[in-house]
Amino acid sequence: MANERPALRAPRTLVALALLAASFATASCRETGTEPPEVVTFETPLVVGADAELLASVQPADVFVVPVLDETETFGTPTEGLRRAIYAGLVQRLYSPIRMEWADAVVADLAKSGAPPSAQEANAALGADAFLEVRVLAWDETELESDGTVRVRLEAVLRDPADPEHPLWGYRMGRLVDVGGVSARRATHDVLVGRAVEKAAADLLALLPQRDARSAPR
């Protein structure tokens, strides 16, 4: 579940996961965003035109949630918590996310040869129908303990490993996440961050169409 305490990972596993996340991002079409800094709330689709119909036709079930990339200026994003919240949220959207502990162990095993696994190698071993890549572009907790808000910018792309150059779905999203207002002053910092993580993940996944198994290819 999203609120479970994550198990500690060996350094080799952490390095392998970081390299894998970078390999997915390098293979993708990277954008820094065109929304000006003063725009707090927005939703920008990254998959448009004919490609916007791909998700409905593919209907992937088993999704690998790639380790979340922190691309903020401060590198203080709770990426592990965000990854777990996204994992839990996919279940609610009727997807079947691949269990992260098992997937991470597979990735670490692939890295034992010394070379980081490519995105294609990882997916061959994991048997995923799709992989979900999430980047954190901004995570500002400046006003978290005063008024209970966090400024967040996330970018997410869902890819078919058979055709990664044509994403199935993607959005860049900005939010002023409210975790309790005045009541936030009575909660600890960790509790507030946990609330912000879950709300940010929920808002992001609300943009992802729910899976329709009846429309999936036979």
N, C-alpha and C. Protein backbone atom coordinates (compact mmCIF):
# COMPACT_ATOMS: atom_id res chain seq x y z
N MET A 1 0.84 -1.19 0.00
CA MET A 1 0.00 0.00 0.00
C MET A 1 0.88 1.24 0.00
N ALA A 2 0.27 2.39 -0.35
CA ALA A 2 1.07 3.60 -0.51
C ALA A 2 1.68 4.07 0.79
N ASN A 3 1.06 3.77 1.94
CA ASN A 3 1.57 4.28 3.21
C ASN A 3 2.44 3.28 3.95
N GLU A 4 2.79 2.16 3.29
CA GLU A 4 3.67 1.21 3.95
C GLU A 4 5.09 1.76 4.03
N ARG A 5 5.80 1.39 5.05
CA ARG A 5 7.18 1.85 5.20
C ARG A 5 8.06 1.07 4.23
N PRO A 6 8.77 1.77 3.32
CA PRO A 6 9.58 1.06 2.33
C PRO A 6 10.76 0.36 2.98
N ALA A 7 11.10 -0.82 2.44
CA ALA A 7 12.26 -1.54 2.93
C ALA A 7 13.53 -0.87 2.45
N LEU A 8 14.59 -0.94 3.26
CA LEU A 8 15.86 -0.38 2.86
C LEU A 8 16.45 -1.22 1.74
N ARG A 9 17.04 -0.54 0.74
CA ARG A 9 17.61 -1.24 -0.39
C ARG A 9 19.13 -1.15 -0.35
N ALA A 10 19.76 -2.17 -0.90
CA ALA A 10 21.21 -2.19 -0.99
C ALA A 10 21.68 -1.13 -1.98
N PRO A 11 22.90 -0.60 -1.81
CA PRO A 11 23.41 0.41 -2.74
C PRO A 11 23.36 -0.02 -4.19
N ARG A 12 23.66 -1.29 -4.48
CA ARG A 12 23.64 -1.76 -5.86
C ARG A 12 22.25 -1.59 -6.47
N THR A 13 21.23 -1.91 -5.66
CA THR A 13 19.86 -1.78 -6.16
C THR A 13 19.52 -0.33 -6.41
N LEU A 14 19.89 0.56 -5.50
CA LEU A 14 19.60 1.97 -5.66
C LEU A 14 20.26 2.53 -6.92
N VAL A 15 21.49 2.15 -7.15
CA VAL A 15 22.20 2.62 -8.35
C VAL A 15 21.54 2.10 -9.61
N ALA A 16 21.18 0.82 -9.59
CA ALA A 16 20.55 0.22 -10.76
C ALA A 16 19.22 0.91 -11.08
N LEU A 17 18.42 1.21 -10.05
CA LEU A 17 17.14 1.85 -10.26
C LEU A 17 17.32 3.27 -10.79
N ALA A 18 18.31 3.99 -10.26
CA ALA A 18 18.57 5.34 -10.73
C ALA A 18 18.98 5.35 -12.19
N LEU A 19 19.84 4.41 -12.56
CA LEU A 19 20.29 4.32 -13.94
C LEU A 19 19.15 3.92 -14.87
N LEU A 20 18.28 3.02 -14.38
CA LEU A 20 17.15 2.61 -15.20
C LEU A 20 16.21 3.78 -15.44
N ALA A 21 15.90 4.54 -14.39
CA ALA A 21 15.03 5.70 -14.54
C ALA A 21 15.61 6.68 -15.54
N ALA A 22 16.91 6.89 -15.46
CA ALA A 22 17.57 7.81 -16.39
C ALA A 22 17.50 7.29 -17.82
N SER A 23 17.59 5.96 -17.98
CA SER A 23 17.55 5.40 -19.33
C SER A 23 16.19 5.58 -19.96
N PHE A 24 15.11 5.46 -19.16
CA PHE A 24 13.78 5.70 -19.69
C PHE A 24 13.64 7.16 -20.11
N ALA A 25 14.12 8.06 -19.26
CA ALA A 25 13.98 9.48 -19.54
C ALA A 25 14.80 9.89 -20.76
N THR A 26 16.00 9.31 -20.90
CA THR A 26 16.86 9.65 -22.03
C THR A 26 16.22 9.20 -23.33
N ALA A 27 15.52 8.06 -23.28
CA ALA A 27 14.89 7.54 -24.50
C ALA A 27 13.64 8.31 -24.87
N SER A 28 13.13 9.13 -23.97
CA SER A 28 11.88 9.83 -24.21
C SER A 28 12.13 11.21 -24.79
N CYS A 29 11.04 11.81 -25.24
CA CYS A 29 11.11 13.18 -25.73
C CYS A 29 10.99 14.11 -24.53
N ARG A 30 12.08 14.73 -24.15
CA ARG A 30 12.13 15.53 -22.93
C ARG A 30 11.68 16.96 -23.20
N GLU A 31 10.87 17.50 -22.30
CA GLU A 31 10.45 18.88 -22.37
C GLU A 31 10.64 19.50 -21.00
N THR A 32 10.98 20.77 -20.98
CA THR A 32 11.15 21.46 -19.70
C THR A 32 9.88 22.18 -19.29
N GLY A 33 8.92 22.29 -20.21
CA GLY A 33 7.67 22.95 -19.87
C GLY A 33 7.64 24.37 -20.40
N THR A 34 6.48 24.78 -20.87
CA THR A 34 6.32 26.13 -21.42
C THR A 34 5.47 27.01 -20.52
N GLU A 35 4.94 26.45 -19.44
CA GLU A 35 4.10 27.24 -18.55
C GLU A 35 4.97 28.19 -17.72
N PRO A 36 4.63 29.48 -17.67
CA PRO A 36 5.42 30.43 -16.88
C PRO A 36 5.34 30.11 -15.39
N PRO A 37 6.36 30.50 -14.61
CA PRO A 37 6.40 30.16 -13.19
C PRO A 37 5.20 30.65 -12.39
N GLU A 38 4.60 31.79 -12.80
CA GLU A 38 3.49 32.32 -12.02
C GLU A 38 2.19 31.54 -12.22
N VAL A 39 2.15 30.68 -13.21
CA VAL A 39 0.97 29.83 -13.42
C VAL A 39 1.09 28.61 -12.51
N VAL A 40 0.19 28.52 -11.54
CA VAL A 40 0.30 27.47 -10.53
C VAL A 40 -0.48 26.22 -10.93
N THR A 41 -1.71 26.41 -11.40
CA THR A 41 -2.57 25.29 -11.73
C THR A 41 -2.76 25.17 -13.24
N PHE A 42 -2.40 24.03 -13.78
CA PHE A 42 -2.56 23.81 -15.21
C PHE A 42 -2.52 22.32 -15.51
N GLU A 43 -3.01 21.96 -16.68
CA GLU A 43 -2.97 20.59 -17.19
C GLU A 43 -2.63 20.67 -18.67
N THR A 44 -1.48 20.16 -19.07
CA THR A 44 -1.05 20.23 -20.46
C THR A 44 -0.89 18.82 -21.02
N PRO A 45 -1.74 18.42 -21.98
CA PRO A 45 -1.58 17.09 -22.57
C PRO A 45 -0.31 17.01 -23.40
N LEU A 46 0.40 15.91 -23.29
CA LEU A 46 1.64 15.71 -24.03
C LEU A 46 1.45 14.76 -25.21
N VAL A 47 0.31 14.08 -25.25
CA VAL A 47 -0.01 13.16 -26.35
C VAL A 47 -1.25 13.69 -27.03
N VAL A 48 -1.10 14.11 -28.28
CA VAL A 48 -2.21 14.74 -29.00
C VAL A 48 -2.34 14.12 -30.39
N GLY A 49 -3.38 14.53 -31.10
CA GLY A 49 -3.57 14.03 -32.46
C GLY A 49 -3.94 12.56 -32.48
N ALA A 50 -3.46 11.87 -33.50
CA ALA A 50 -3.79 10.45 -33.66
C ALA A 50 -3.25 9.62 -32.51
N ASP A 51 -2.10 10.01 -31.94
CA ASP A 51 -1.51 9.24 -30.84
C ASP A 51 -2.41 9.22 -29.61
N ALA A 52 -3.29 10.21 -29.48
CA ALA A 52 -4.18 10.27 -28.32
C ALA A 52 -5.14 9.09 -28.27
N GLU A 53 -5.30 8.37 -29.39
CA GLU A 53 -6.20 7.23 -29.44
C GLU A 53 -5.50 5.91 -29.10
N LEU A 54 -4.17 5.96 -28.93
CA LEU A 54 -3.41 4.73 -28.72
C LEU A 54 -3.78 4.02 -27.42
N LEU A 55 -3.95 4.78 -26.35
CA LEU A 55 -4.25 4.16 -25.06
C LEU A 55 -5.55 3.37 -25.12
N ALA A 56 -6.56 3.93 -25.77
CA ALA A 56 -7.85 3.26 -25.86
C ALA A 56 -7.75 1.96 -26.65
N SER A 57 -6.85 1.91 -27.62
CA SER A 57 -6.73 0.70 -28.44
C SER A 57 -5.84 -0.35 -27.80
N VAL A 58 -4.82 0.08 -27.06
CA VAL A 58 -3.88 -0.87 -26.44
C VAL A 58 -4.42 -1.41 -25.11
N GLN A 59 -4.99 -0.54 -24.28
CA GLN A 59 -5.53 -0.90 -22.97
C GLN A 59 -4.54 -1.76 -22.16
N PRO A 60 -3.36 -1.22 -21.84
CA PRO A 60 -2.38 -2.00 -21.09
C PRO A 60 -2.89 -2.34 -19.69
N ALA A 61 -2.49 -3.49 -19.20
CA ALA A 61 -2.91 -3.92 -17.86
C ALA A 61 -1.75 -3.84 -16.88
N ASP A 62 -0.68 -4.61 -17.14
CA ASP A 62 0.47 -4.68 -16.22
C ASP A 62 1.41 -3.51 -16.46
N VAL A 63 1.50 -2.62 -15.48
CA VAL A 63 2.26 -1.38 -15.62
C VAL A 63 3.43 -1.37 -14.64
N PHE A 64 4.62 -1.08 -15.16
CA PHE A 64 5.79 -0.90 -14.31
C PHE A 64 5.95 0.58 -14.02
N VAL A 65 5.90 0.94 -12.74
CA VAL A 65 6.10 2.33 -12.33
C VAL A 65 7.61 2.56 -12.19
N VAL A 66 8.17 3.26 -13.14
CA VAL A 66 9.61 3.53 -13.15
C VAL A 66 9.94 4.42 -11.95
N PRO A 67 11.11 4.25 -11.32
CA PRO A 67 11.49 5.15 -10.23
C PRO A 67 11.33 6.62 -10.62
N VAL A 68 10.69 7.38 -9.77
CA VAL A 68 10.38 8.79 -10.05
C VAL A 68 11.67 9.61 -10.10
N LEU A 69 11.77 10.46 -11.10
CA LEU A 69 12.94 11.32 -11.25
C LEU A 69 12.69 12.68 -10.60
N ASP A 70 13.62 13.12 -9.77
CA ASP A 70 13.56 14.44 -9.14
C ASP A 70 14.37 15.42 -9.99
N GLU A 71 13.68 16.31 -10.69
CA GLU A 71 14.35 17.29 -11.52
C GLU A 71 14.10 18.71 -11.02
N THR A 72 13.87 18.82 -9.71
CA THR A 72 13.69 20.13 -9.10
C THR A 72 15.05 20.76 -8.85
N GLU A 73 15.04 22.03 -8.48
CA GLU A 73 16.29 22.73 -8.21
C GLU A 73 16.88 22.35 -6.86
N THR A 74 16.04 21.88 -5.95
CA THR A 74 16.51 21.57 -4.60
C THR A 74 16.74 20.08 -4.36
N PHE A 75 16.20 19.23 -5.23
CA PHE A 75 16.33 17.78 -5.10
C PHE A 75 15.86 17.30 -3.73
N GLY A 76 14.71 17.84 -3.29
CA GLY A 76 14.17 17.44 -2.00
C GLY A 76 12.82 16.76 -2.10
N THR A 77 12.50 16.26 -3.27
CA THR A 77 11.19 15.65 -3.48
C THR A 77 11.10 14.26 -2.85
N PRO A 78 10.00 13.93 -2.19
CA PRO A 78 9.80 12.57 -1.64
C PRO A 78 9.45 11.59 -2.76
N THR A 79 10.44 11.26 -3.58
CA THR A 79 10.19 10.46 -4.78
C THR A 79 9.70 9.05 -4.46
N GLU A 80 10.23 8.44 -3.41
CA GLU A 80 9.82 7.08 -3.07
C GLU A 80 8.35 7.05 -2.65
N GLY A 81 7.95 8.01 -1.83
CA GLY A 81 6.55 8.09 -1.42
C GLY A 81 5.64 8.36 -2.59
N LEU A 82 6.08 9.22 -3.50
CA LEU A 82 5.28 9.53 -4.68
C LEU A 82 5.12 8.30 -5.57
N ARG A 83 6.20 7.55 -5.72
CA ARG A 83 6.12 6.33 -6.53
C ARG A 83 5.12 5.34 -5.94
N ARG A 84 5.14 5.18 -4.62
CA ARG A 84 4.22 4.25 -3.97
C ARG A 84 2.77 4.74 -4.06
N ALA A 85 2.57 6.03 -3.97
CA ALA A 85 1.21 6.58 -4.08
C ALA A 85 0.67 6.39 -5.49
N ILE A 86 1.53 6.54 -6.49
CA ILE A 86 1.12 6.31 -7.87
C ILE A 86 0.81 4.84 -8.09
N TYR A 87 1.62 3.97 -7.52
CA TYR A 87 1.37 2.52 -7.60
C TYR A 87 -0.03 2.20 -7.08
N ALA A 88 -0.35 2.71 -5.90
CA ALA A 88 -1.66 2.44 -5.29
C ALA A 88 -2.78 3.04 -6.12
N GLY A 89 -2.54 4.23 -6.67
CA GLY A 89 -3.56 4.89 -7.46
C GLY A 89 -3.87 4.17 -8.76
N LEU A 90 -2.88 3.51 -9.33
CA LEU A 90 -3.12 2.75 -10.57
C LEU A 90 -4.12 1.63 -10.35
N VAL A 91 -4.08 1.02 -9.18
CA VAL A 91 -5.03 -0.04 -8.86
C VAL A 91 -6.45 0.52 -8.90
N GLN A 92 -6.64 1.71 -8.35
CA GLN A 92 -7.95 2.33 -8.34
C GLN A 92 -8.43 2.68 -9.75
N ARG A 93 -7.47 2.85 -10.67
CA ARG A 93 -7.82 3.13 -12.07
C ARG A 93 -7.95 1.83 -12.87
N LEU A 94 -7.95 0.69 -12.17
CA LEU A 94 -8.16 -0.65 -12.74
C LEU A 94 -6.98 -1.17 -13.55
N TYR A 95 -5.80 -0.62 -13.30
CA TYR A 95 -4.58 -1.17 -13.88
C TYR A 95 -3.98 -2.17 -12.88
N SER A 96 -3.00 -2.94 -13.34
CA SER A 96 -2.34 -3.92 -12.47
C SER A 96 -0.86 -3.58 -12.39
N PRO A 97 -0.48 -2.67 -11.52
CA PRO A 97 0.94 -2.30 -11.43
C PRO A 97 1.78 -3.48 -10.96
N ILE A 98 2.94 -3.62 -11.56
CA ILE A 98 3.86 -4.70 -11.19
C ILE A 98 4.46 -4.39 -9.82
N ARG A 99 4.45 -5.40 -8.94
CA ARG A 99 4.91 -5.19 -7.56
C ARG A 99 6.33 -4.64 -7.55
N MET A 100 6.50 -3.50 -6.90
CA MET A 100 7.75 -2.76 -7.01
C MET A 100 8.93 -3.50 -6.39
N GLU A 101 8.72 -4.17 -5.25
CA GLU A 101 9.82 -4.87 -4.61
C GLU A 101 10.39 -5.95 -5.53
N TRP A 102 9.49 -6.70 -6.18
CA TRP A 102 9.93 -7.74 -7.11
C TRP A 102 10.61 -7.12 -8.33
N ALA A 103 9.99 -6.08 -8.89
CA ALA A 103 10.55 -5.44 -10.08
C ALA A 103 11.92 -4.84 -9.80
N ASP A 104 12.06 -4.21 -8.64
CA ASP A 104 13.35 -3.61 -8.28
C ASP A 104 14.43 -4.67 -8.14
N ALA A 105 14.05 -5.83 -7.59
CA ALA A 105 15.01 -6.92 -7.45
C ALA A 105 15.44 -7.45 -8.82
N VAL A 106 14.49 -7.52 -9.75
CA VAL A 106 14.81 -7.96 -11.10
C VAL A 106 15.78 -6.99 -11.76
N VAL A 107 15.52 -5.70 -11.60
CA VAL A 107 16.39 -4.68 -12.18
C VAL A 107 17.80 -4.77 -11.59
N ALA A 108 17.86 -4.96 -10.28
CA ALA A 108 19.17 -5.07 -9.63
C ALA A 108 19.92 -6.30 -10.13
N ASP A 109 19.20 -7.40 -10.37
CA ASP A 109 19.83 -8.61 -10.87
C ASP A 109 20.37 -8.39 -12.28
N LEU A 110 19.65 -7.65 -13.10
CA LEU A 110 20.11 -7.35 -14.46
C LEU A 110 21.39 -6.51 -14.44
N ALA A 111 21.55 -5.73 -13.37
CA ALA A 111 22.71 -4.84 -13.29
C ALA A 111 23.95 -5.53 -12.73
N LYS A 112 23.85 -6.81 -12.34
CA LYS A 112 24.99 -7.50 -11.74
C LYS A 112 26.16 -7.66 -12.71
N SER A 113 25.87 -7.60 -14.01
CA SER A 113 26.94 -7.73 -14.99
C SER A 113 27.83 -6.51 -15.03
N GLY A 114 27.39 -5.43 -14.38
CA GLY A 114 28.19 -4.22 -14.34
C GLY A 114 27.62 -3.10 -15.19
N ALA A 115 26.89 -3.44 -16.23
CA ALA A 115 26.29 -2.43 -17.10
C ALA A 115 24.83 -2.21 -16.70
N PRO A 116 24.36 -0.97 -16.67
CA PRO A 116 22.97 -0.72 -16.31
C PRO A 116 22.04 -1.29 -17.36
N PRO A 117 20.91 -1.87 -16.97
CA PRO A 117 19.98 -2.43 -17.95
C PRO A 117 19.31 -1.32 -18.76
N SER A 118 19.06 -1.60 -20.01
CA SER A 118 18.32 -0.64 -20.83
C SER A 118 16.84 -0.78 -20.52
N ALA A 119 16.06 0.19 -20.97
CA ALA A 119 14.62 0.13 -20.78
C ALA A 119 14.05 -1.12 -21.44
N GLN A 120 14.57 -1.46 -22.61
CA GLN A 120 14.08 -2.64 -23.32
C GLN A 120 14.41 -3.92 -22.57
N GLU A 121 15.63 -4.02 -22.04
CA GLU A 121 16.02 -5.21 -21.28
C GLU A 121 15.17 -5.36 -20.03
N ALA A 122 14.91 -4.25 -19.36
CA ALA A 122 14.11 -4.29 -18.14
C ALA A 122 12.70 -4.77 -18.44
N ASN A 123 12.11 -4.26 -19.49
CA ASN A 123 10.76 -4.66 -19.81
C ASN A 123 10.67 -6.10 -20.29
N ALA A 124 11.71 -6.58 -20.96
CA ALA A 124 11.73 -7.99 -21.37
C ALA A 124 11.71 -8.90 -20.15
N ALA A 125 12.43 -8.49 -19.09
CA ALA A 125 12.48 -9.29 -17.87
C ALA A 125 11.21 -9.14 -17.02
N LEU A 126 10.62 -7.95 -17.06
CA LEU A 126 9.46 -7.69 -16.21
C LEU A 126 8.15 -8.12 -16.85
N GLY A 127 8.10 -8.20 -18.17
CA GLY A 127 6.87 -8.56 -18.85
C GLY A 127 5.78 -7.52 -18.73
N ALA A 128 6.16 -6.25 -18.74
CA ALA A 128 5.19 -5.18 -18.59
C ALA A 128 4.47 -4.88 -19.90
N ASP A 129 3.19 -4.51 -19.79
CA ASP A 129 2.45 -4.03 -20.95
C ASP A 129 2.78 -2.57 -21.23
N ALA A 130 3.16 -1.86 -20.18
CA ALA A 130 3.49 -0.44 -20.31
C ALA A 130 4.36 -0.03 -19.14
N PHE A 131 5.08 1.05 -19.31
CA PHE A 131 5.81 1.60 -18.17
C PHE A 131 5.44 3.07 -18.00
N LEU A 132 5.31 3.47 -16.76
CA LEU A 132 4.90 4.82 -16.40
C LEU A 132 6.10 5.58 -15.87
N GLU A 133 6.45 6.63 -16.57
CA GLU A 133 7.60 7.46 -16.23
C GLU A 133 7.09 8.78 -15.64
N VAL A 134 7.55 9.14 -14.46
CA VAL A 134 7.11 10.37 -13.80
C VAL A 134 8.33 11.22 -13.45
N ARG A 135 8.24 12.48 -13.78
CA ARG A 135 9.29 13.45 -13.45
C ARG A 135 8.70 14.53 -12.56
N VAL A 136 9.42 14.90 -11.50
CA VAL A 136 9.00 16.01 -10.65
C VAL A 136 9.77 17.24 -11.10
N LEU A 137 9.04 18.22 -11.63
CA LEU A 137 9.66 19.44 -12.14
C LEU A 137 9.74 20.53 -11.07
N ALA A 138 8.83 20.48 -10.11
CA ALA A 138 8.84 21.45 -9.01
C ALA A 138 8.15 20.84 -7.80
N TRP A 139 8.72 21.11 -6.62
CA TRP A 139 8.14 20.65 -5.35
C TRP A 139 8.55 21.67 -4.29
N ASP A 140 7.67 22.62 -4.02
CA ASP A 140 7.99 23.75 -3.15
C ASP A 140 7.19 23.66 -1.87
N GLU A 141 7.89 23.35 -0.76
CA GLU A 141 7.25 23.21 0.55
C GLU A 141 7.39 24.47 1.40
N THR A 142 7.73 25.59 0.79
CA THR A 142 7.98 26.82 1.54
C THR A 142 6.84 27.19 2.48
N GLU A 143 5.61 27.00 2.02
CA GLU A 143 4.44 27.41 2.80
C GLU A 143 3.70 26.22 3.42
N LEU A 144 4.36 25.07 3.46
CA LEU A 144 3.69 23.86 3.95
C LEU A 144 3.25 24.00 5.40
N GLU A 145 4.15 24.44 6.26
CA GLU A 145 3.83 24.48 7.69
C GLU A 145 3.12 25.75 8.12
N SER A 146 3.03 26.75 7.23
CA SER A 146 2.32 27.98 7.58
C SER A 146 0.88 27.96 7.13
N ASP A 147 0.64 27.57 5.87
CA ASP A 147 -0.75 27.52 5.41
C ASP A 147 -1.13 26.17 4.80
N GLY A 148 -0.25 25.17 4.92
CA GLY A 148 -0.59 23.82 4.50
C GLY A 148 -0.67 23.61 3.00
N THR A 149 0.19 24.29 2.23
CA THR A 149 0.17 24.12 0.78
C THR A 149 1.56 23.77 0.24
N VAL A 150 1.57 23.05 -0.88
CA VAL A 150 2.79 22.69 -1.59
C VAL A 150 2.57 22.99 -3.06
N ARG A 151 3.51 23.70 -3.67
CA ARG A 151 3.43 23.95 -5.11
C ARG A 151 4.13 22.80 -5.84
N VAL A 152 3.38 22.17 -6.73
CA VAL A 152 3.87 20.95 -7.38
C VAL A 152 3.74 21.06 -8.89
N ARG A 153 4.77 20.58 -9.58
CA ARG A 153 4.68 20.38 -11.03
C ARG A 153 5.20 18.99 -11.35
N LEU A 154 4.34 18.20 -11.99
CA LEU A 154 4.69 16.83 -12.35
C LEU A 154 4.51 16.62 -13.84
N GLU A 155 5.30 15.70 -14.38
CA GLU A 155 5.11 15.28 -15.76
C GLU A 155 5.10 13.76 -15.78
N ALA A 156 4.13 13.19 -16.47
CA ALA A 156 4.01 11.73 -16.53
C ALA A 156 3.77 11.29 -17.97
N VAL A 157 4.41 10.18 -18.33
CA VAL A 157 4.25 9.60 -19.66
C VAL A 157 4.09 8.09 -19.51
N LEU A 158 3.08 7.53 -20.17
CA LEU A 158 2.84 6.09 -20.18
C LEU A 158 3.26 5.58 -21.56
N ARG A 159 4.15 4.57 -21.58
CA ARG A 159 4.71 4.09 -22.84
C ARG A 159 4.49 2.59 -23.03
N ASP A 160 4.27 2.23 -24.27
CA ASP A 160 4.22 0.83 -24.68
C ASP A 160 5.65 0.40 -24.97
N PRO A 161 6.20 -0.61 -24.27
CA PRO A 161 7.58 -1.00 -24.52
C PRO A 161 7.83 -1.46 -25.95
N ALA A 162 6.77 -1.86 -26.66
CA ALA A 162 6.93 -2.28 -28.05
C ALA A 162 7.09 -1.09 -28.99
N ASP A 163 6.66 0.09 -28.54
CA ASP A 163 6.76 1.29 -29.37
C ASP A 163 6.94 2.51 -28.47
N PRO A 164 8.08 2.63 -27.79
CA PRO A 164 8.26 3.69 -26.80
C PRO A 164 8.31 5.10 -27.37
N GLU A 165 8.55 5.23 -28.67
CA GLU A 165 8.62 6.56 -29.27
C GLU A 165 7.24 7.19 -29.45
N HIS A 166 6.18 6.41 -29.31
CA HIS A 166 4.82 6.94 -29.44
C HIS A 166 4.08 6.68 -28.13
N PRO A 167 4.15 7.62 -27.19
CA PRO A 167 3.52 7.44 -25.88
C PRO A 167 2.02 7.17 -25.99
N LEU A 168 1.55 6.37 -25.05
CA LEU A 168 0.12 6.07 -24.98
C LEU A 168 -0.66 7.20 -24.33
N TRP A 169 0.00 7.89 -23.42
CA TRP A 169 -0.66 8.96 -22.64
C TRP A 169 0.42 9.81 -21.99
N GLY A 170 0.13 11.08 -21.78
CA GLY A 170 1.08 11.92 -21.08
C GLY A 170 0.48 13.27 -20.71
N TYR A 171 0.87 13.76 -19.55
CA TYR A 171 0.41 15.07 -19.09
C TYR A 171 1.51 15.76 -18.29
N ARG A 172 1.53 17.08 -18.39
CA ARG A 172 2.30 17.90 -17.46
C ARG A 172 1.28 18.68 -16.63
N MET A 173 1.43 18.63 -15.32
CA MET A 173 0.41 19.15 -14.42
C MET A 173 1.03 20.05 -13.36
N GLY A 174 0.33 21.13 -13.03
CA GLY A 174 0.72 22.01 -11.94
C GLY A 174 -0.41 22.11 -10.93
N ARG A 175 -0.06 22.10 -9.66
CA ARG A 175 -1.06 22.17 -8.61
C ARG A 175 -0.54 22.94 -7.39
N LEU A 176 -1.46 23.63 -6.71
CA LEU A 176 -1.21 24.12 -5.37
C LEU A 176 -1.93 23.14 -4.44
N VAL A 177 -1.20 22.18 -3.94
CA VAL A 177 -1.79 21.10 -3.15
C VAL A 177 -2.07 21.59 -1.73
N ASP A 178 -3.30 21.51 -1.30
CA ASP A 178 -3.72 21.95 0.03
C ASP A 178 -3.86 20.72 0.92
N VAL A 179 -3.11 20.70 2.02
CA VAL A 179 -3.13 19.53 2.89
C VAL A 179 -3.76 19.81 4.25
N GLY A 180 -4.53 20.89 4.35
CA GLY A 180 -5.23 21.05 5.61
C GLY A 180 -5.39 22.45 6.16
N GLY A 181 -4.81 23.44 5.52
CA GLY A 181 -4.96 24.81 5.98
C GLY A 181 -4.49 25.00 7.41
N VAL A 182 -5.34 25.62 8.24
CA VAL A 182 -4.97 25.91 9.63
C VAL A 182 -4.67 24.63 10.41
N SER A 183 -5.40 23.56 10.14
CA SER A 183 -5.19 22.30 10.87
C SER A 183 -3.80 21.73 10.59
N ALA A 184 -3.18 22.18 9.51
CA ALA A 184 -1.85 21.67 9.17
C ALA A 184 -0.82 22.04 10.23
N ARG A 185 -1.07 23.10 10.95
CA ARG A 185 -0.11 23.55 11.97
C ARG A 185 0.00 22.58 13.13
N ARG A 186 -0.99 21.70 13.27
CA ARG A 186 -0.97 20.74 14.38
C ARG A 186 -0.37 19.40 13.97
N ALA A 187 -0.01 19.25 12.69
CA ALA A 187 0.55 18.00 12.19
C ALA A 187 2.06 18.13 12.03
N THR A 188 2.74 16.99 12.06
CA THR A 188 4.19 17.00 11.86
C THR A 188 4.51 17.20 10.38
N HIS A 189 5.75 17.58 10.12
CA HIS A 189 6.18 17.82 8.75
C HIS A 189 6.01 16.56 7.91
N ASP A 190 6.40 15.42 8.45
CA ASP A 190 6.31 14.17 7.69
C ASP A 190 4.85 13.82 7.33
N VAL A 191 3.95 14.07 8.26
CA VAL A 191 2.53 13.81 7.99
C VAL A 191 2.03 14.72 6.87
N LEU A 192 2.42 15.98 6.91
CA LEU A 192 1.98 16.93 5.88
C LEU A 192 2.53 16.54 4.51
N VAL A 193 3.79 16.15 4.47
CA VAL A 193 4.39 15.74 3.21
C VAL A 193 3.67 14.51 2.66
N GLY A 194 3.34 13.57 3.55
CA GLY A 194 2.62 12.37 3.12
C GLY A 194 1.27 12.71 2.51
N ARG A 195 0.57 13.67 3.11
CA ARG A 195 -0.72 14.09 2.56
C ARG A 195 -0.53 14.74 1.18
N ALA A 196 0.50 15.58 1.06
CA ALA A 196 0.76 16.26 -0.21
C ALA A 196 1.10 15.25 -1.30
N VAL A 197 1.88 14.25 -0.95
CA VAL A 197 2.25 13.22 -1.91
C VAL A 197 1.01 12.49 -2.42
N GLU A 198 0.14 12.08 -1.52
CA GLU A 198 -1.04 11.33 -1.92
C GLU A 198 -1.99 12.18 -2.76
N LYS A 199 -2.13 13.46 -2.41
CA LYS A 199 -3.02 14.32 -3.19
C LYS A 199 -2.44 14.61 -4.56
N ALA A 200 -1.14 14.85 -4.63
CA ALA A 200 -0.51 15.13 -5.92
C ALA A 200 -0.63 13.92 -6.84
N ALA A 201 -0.39 12.73 -6.28
CA ALA A 201 -0.51 11.51 -7.08
C ALA A 201 -1.95 11.30 -7.55
N ALA A 202 -2.91 11.56 -6.68
CA ALA A 202 -4.32 11.40 -7.04
C ALA A 202 -4.72 12.35 -8.15
N ASP A 203 -4.27 13.61 -8.07
CA ASP A 203 -4.58 14.58 -9.11
C ASP A 203 -3.96 14.18 -10.44
N LEU A 204 -2.75 13.66 -10.41
CA LEU A 204 -2.08 13.25 -11.64
C LEU A 204 -2.82 12.07 -12.28
N LEU A 205 -3.16 11.07 -11.48
CA LEU A 205 -3.81 9.88 -12.03
C LEU A 205 -5.25 10.12 -12.42
N ALA A 206 -5.85 11.19 -11.92
CA ALA A 206 -7.21 11.54 -12.35
C ALA A 206 -7.22 11.93 -13.82
N LEU A 207 -6.06 12.29 -14.35
CA LEU A 207 -5.94 12.64 -15.77
C LEU A 207 -5.75 11.41 -16.65
N LEU A 208 -5.47 10.26 -16.03
CA LEU A 208 -5.27 9.01 -16.77
C LEU A 208 -6.60 8.28 -16.91
N PRO A 209 -7.04 8.00 -18.13
CA PRO A 209 -8.32 7.28 -18.28
C PRO A 209 -8.31 5.94 -17.57
N GLN A 210 -9.42 5.61 -16.96
CA GLN A 210 -9.55 4.32 -16.31
C GLN A 210 -9.47 3.21 -17.34
N ARG A 211 -8.81 2.11 -16.98
CA ARG A 211 -8.68 1.00 -17.92
C ARG A 211 -10.03 0.34 -18.15
N ASP A 212 -10.28 0.02 -19.42
CA ASP A 212 -11.51 -0.67 -19.80
C ASP A 212 -11.13 -2.04 -20.34
N ALA A 213 -11.22 -3.06 -19.49
CA ALA A 213 -10.82 -4.40 -19.89
C ALA A 213 -11.65 -4.94 -21.04
N ARG A 214 -12.89 -4.48 -21.18
CA ARG A 214 -13.75 -4.97 -22.25
C ARG A 214 -13.26 -4.54 -23.62
N SER A 215 -12.49 -3.44 -23.66
CA SER A 215 -11.98 -2.93 -24.92
C SER A 215 -10.57 -3.41 -25.23
N ALA A 216 -9.99 -4.19 -24.30
CA ALA A 216 -8.61 -4.65 -24.49
C ALA A 216 -8.53 -5.64 -25.65
N PRO A 217 -7.42 -5.64 -26.39
CA PRO A 217 -7.25 -6.60 -27.48
C PRO A 217 -7.30 -8.03 -26.96
N ARG A 218 -7.89 -8.91 -27.70
CA ARG A 218 -8.01 -10.33 -27.31
C ARG A 218 -6.82 -11.13 -27.86
